[in-house]
Amino acid sequence: MTKPGASAQDFDVALERCKAEAYLQMPAQRETYISRQAYYSDGPETCISNASNSAKFCHREKVWNPPVTSTRDVNADARETLTRSCLYSDGWRPEQ
């Protein structure tokens, strides 16, 4: 972002101040969600041979893979919007 007469250091100071204000308005709110559903996959194959007629019986077991959970901050997007709004109100604009 840019502002007439402002330096990169001025932007860094403004950005950190705006981020702090946004955190006060929208603190982190963690939410746990399932990022990968549970599923079965093919496991090892076990074969048994019948010596009398050379027949072979093979069986593949299924392996249970439990769900994977992750966390996210549900307020992150709103905080980003608040930060951008704060910068705009201070006269900062996107670089053209």
C-alpha atoms as a PDB file:
ATOM      1  CA  MET A   1       0.000   0.000   0.000  1.00  0.00           C
ATOM      2  CA  THR A   2       1.076   3.541  -0.491  1.00  0.00           C
ATOM      3  CA  LYS A   3       0.420   6.971   0.989  1.00  0.00           C
ATOM      4  CA  PRO A   4       1.819  10.252  -0.311  1.00  0.00           C
ATOM      5  CA  GLY A   5       4.868  11.304   1.701  1.00  0.00           C
ATOM      6  CA  ALA A   6       4.941   8.090   3.767  1.00  0.00           C
ATOM      7  CA  SER A   7       7.872   5.695   4.037  1.00  0.00           C
ATOM      8  CA  ALA A   8       7.926   1.911   4.263  1.00  0.00           C
ATOM      9  CA  GLN A   9       8.563   2.287   7.994  1.00  0.00           C
ATOM     10  CA  ASP A  10       5.461   4.490   8.300  1.00  0.00           C
ATOM     11  CA  PHE A  11       3.447   1.732   6.635  1.00  0.00           C
ATOM     12  CA  ASP A  12       4.840  -0.918   8.983  1.00  0.00           C
ATOM     13  CA  VAL A  13       3.846   1.167  12.022  1.00  0.00           C
ATOM     14  CA  ALA A  14       0.358   1.851  10.614  1.00  0.00           C
ATOM     15  CA  LEU A  15      -0.131  -1.807   9.700  1.00  0.00           C
ATOM     16  CA  GLU A  16       0.792  -3.071  13.167  1.00  0.00           C
ATOM     17  CA  ARG A  17      -1.471  -0.490  14.820  1.00  0.00           C
ATOM     18  CA  CYS A  18      -4.372  -1.447  12.563  1.00  0.00           C
ATOM     19  CA  LYS A  19      -3.778  -5.161  13.185  1.00  0.00           C
ATOM     20  CA  ALA A  20      -3.842  -4.549  16.945  1.00  0.00           C
ATOM     21  CA  GLU A  21      -7.122  -2.631  16.670  1.00  0.00           C
ATOM     22  CA  ALA A  22      -8.610  -5.406  14.538  1.00  0.00           C
ATOM     23  CA  TYR A  23      -7.585  -8.039  17.137  1.00  0.00           C
ATOM     24  CA  LEU A  24      -9.344  -6.042  19.827  1.00  0.00           C
ATOM     25  CA  GLN A  25     -12.540  -6.009  17.752  1.00  0.00           C
ATOM     26  CA  MET A  26     -12.258  -9.577  16.453  1.00  0.00           C
ATOM     27  CA  PRO A  27     -10.077 -11.746  18.699  1.00  0.00           C
ATOM     28  CA  ALA A  28      -8.949 -15.150  17.535  1.00  0.00           C
ATOM     29  CA  GLN A  29     -11.715 -17.740  17.715  1.00  0.00           C
ATOM     30  CA  ARG A  30     -10.472 -21.256  17.078  1.00  0.00           C
ATOM     31  CA  GLU A  31     -12.770 -23.849  15.546  1.00  0.00           C
ATOM     32  CA  THR A  32     -12.028 -27.522  15.079  1.00  0.00           C
ATOM     33  CA  TYR A  33     -13.179 -29.122  11.841  1.00  0.00           C
ATOM     34  CA  ILE A  34     -12.705 -32.385   9.979  1.00  0.00           C
ATOM     35  CA  SER A  35     -10.129 -31.756   7.258  1.00  0.00           C
ATOM     36  CA  ARG A  36     -10.222 -35.354   5.968  1.00  0.00           C
ATOM     37  CA  GLN A  37     -13.118 -37.738   6.359  1.00  0.00           C
ATOM     38  CA  ALA A  38     -12.606 -41.225   7.757  1.00  0.00           C
ATOM     39  CA  TYR A  39     -12.276 -43.989   5.191  1.00  0.00           C
ATOM     40  CA  TYR A  40     -11.274 -47.600   4.647  1.00  0.00           C
ATOM     41  CA  SER A  41      -8.278 -48.454   2.497  1.00  0.00           C
ATOM     42  CA  ASP A  42      -6.850 -51.718   1.246  1.00  0.00           C
ATOM     43  CA  GLY A  43      -4.560 -53.414   3.710  1.00  0.00           C
ATOM     44  CA  PRO A  44      -2.124 -56.262   3.210  1.00  0.00           C
ATOM     45  CA  GLU A  45      -3.084 -59.233   1.084  1.00  0.00           C
ATOM     46  CA  THR A  46      -2.987 -62.667   2.693  1.00  0.00           C
ATOM     47  CA  CYS A  47      -2.924 -65.764   0.496  1.00  0.00           C
ATOM     48  CA  ILE A  48      -3.429 -69.398   1.486  1.00  0.00           C
ATOM     49  CA  SER A  49      -2.425 -72.175  -0.878  1.00  0.00           C
ATOM     50  CA  ASN A  50      -4.141 -75.551  -0.999  1.00  0.00           C
ATOM     51  CA  ALA A  51      -1.411 -78.134  -1.476  1.00  0.00           C
ATOM     52  CA  SER A  52      -3.762 -80.826  -2.824  1.00  0.00           C
ATOM     53  CA  ASN A  53      -5.032 -78.940  -5.884  1.00  0.00           C
ATOM     54  CA  SER A  54      -2.697 -75.927  -6.172  1.00  0.00           C
ATOM     55  CA  ALA A  55      -5.624 -73.574  -5.568  1.00  0.00           C
ATOM     56  CA  LYS A  56      -4.790 -70.285  -3.969  1.00  0.00           C
ATOM     57  CA  PHE A  57      -7.216 -68.203  -1.906  1.00  0.00           C
ATOM     58  CA  CYS A  58      -6.283 -64.573  -1.348  1.00  0.00           C
ATOM     59  CA  HIS A  59      -7.961 -62.091   0.929  1.00  0.00           C
ATOM     60  CA  ARG A  60      -7.231 -58.377   1.282  1.00  0.00           C
ATOM     61  CA  GLU A  61      -8.103 -56.847   4.623  1.00  0.00           C
ATOM     62  CA  LYS A  62      -9.521 -53.345   4.958  1.00  0.00           C
ATOM     63  CA  VAL A  63      -7.742 -50.821   7.156  1.00  0.00           C
ATOM     64  CA  TRP A  64      -9.696 -48.128   9.015  1.00  0.00           C
ATOM     65  CA  ASN A  65      -8.265 -44.611   8.631  1.00  0.00           C
ATOM     66  CA  PRO A  66      -9.814 -42.262  11.210  1.00  0.00           C
ATOM     67  CA  PRO A  67     -10.803 -38.692  10.384  1.00  0.00           C
ATOM     68  CA  VAL A  68      -8.187 -35.947  10.566  1.00  0.00           C
ATOM     69  CA  THR A  69      -9.121 -32.794  12.433  1.00  0.00           C
ATOM     70  CA  SER A  70      -7.614 -29.336  12.049  1.00  0.00           C
ATOM     71  CA  THR A  71      -8.244 -25.934  13.577  1.00  0.00           C
ATOM     72  CA  ARG A  72      -8.850 -22.559  11.980  1.00  0.00           C
ATOM     73  CA  ASP A  73      -9.474 -19.032  13.195  1.00  0.00           C
ATOM     74  CA  VAL A  74     -13.026 -18.178  12.099  1.00  0.00           C
ATOM     75  CA  ASN A  75     -12.388 -14.457  12.660  1.00  0.00           C
ATOM     76  CA  ALA A  76      -9.279 -14.222  10.460  1.00  0.00           C
ATOM     77  CA  ASP A  77     -11.074 -12.927   7.349  1.00  0.00           C
ATOM     78  CA  ALA A  78     -13.035 -10.330   9.323  1.00  0.00           C
ATOM     79  CA  ARG A  79      -9.808  -9.165  11.011  1.00  0.00           C
ATOM     80  CA  GLU A  80      -8.169  -8.775   7.600  1.00  0.00           C
ATOM     81  CA  THR A  81     -11.110  -6.634   6.434  1.00  0.00           C
ATOM     82  CA  LEU A  82     -10.932  -4.499   9.576  1.00  0.00           C
ATOM     83  CA  THR A  83      -7.178  -4.037   9.130  1.00  0.00           C
ATOM     84  CA  ARG A  84      -7.613  -2.956   5.504  1.00  0.00           C
ATOM     85  CA  SER A  85     -10.434  -0.577   6.466  1.00  0.00           C
ATOM     86  CA  CYS A  86      -8.258   0.969   9.170  1.00  0.00           C
ATOM     87  CA  LEU A  87      -5.424   1.530   6.674  1.00  0.00           C
ATOM     88  CA  TYR A  88      -7.826   3.099   4.170  1.00  0.00           C
ATOM     89  CA  SER A  89      -9.162   5.447   6.841  1.00  0.00           C
ATOM     90  CA  ASP A  90      -5.553   6.509   7.526  1.00  0.00           C
ATOM     91  CA  GLY A  91      -5.106   7.422   3.853  1.00  0.00           C
ATOM     92  CA  TRP A  92      -3.278   4.299   2.660  1.00  0.00           C
ATOM     93  CA  ARG A  93      -4.242   3.013  -0.799  1.00  0.00           C
ATOM     94  CA  PRO A  94      -3.317  -0.065  -2.855  1.00  0.00           C
ATOM     95  CA  GLU A  95      -0.385   0.477  -5.184  1.00  0.00           C
ATOM     96  CA  GLN A  96      -1.534   1.009  -8.765  1.00  0.00           C
END
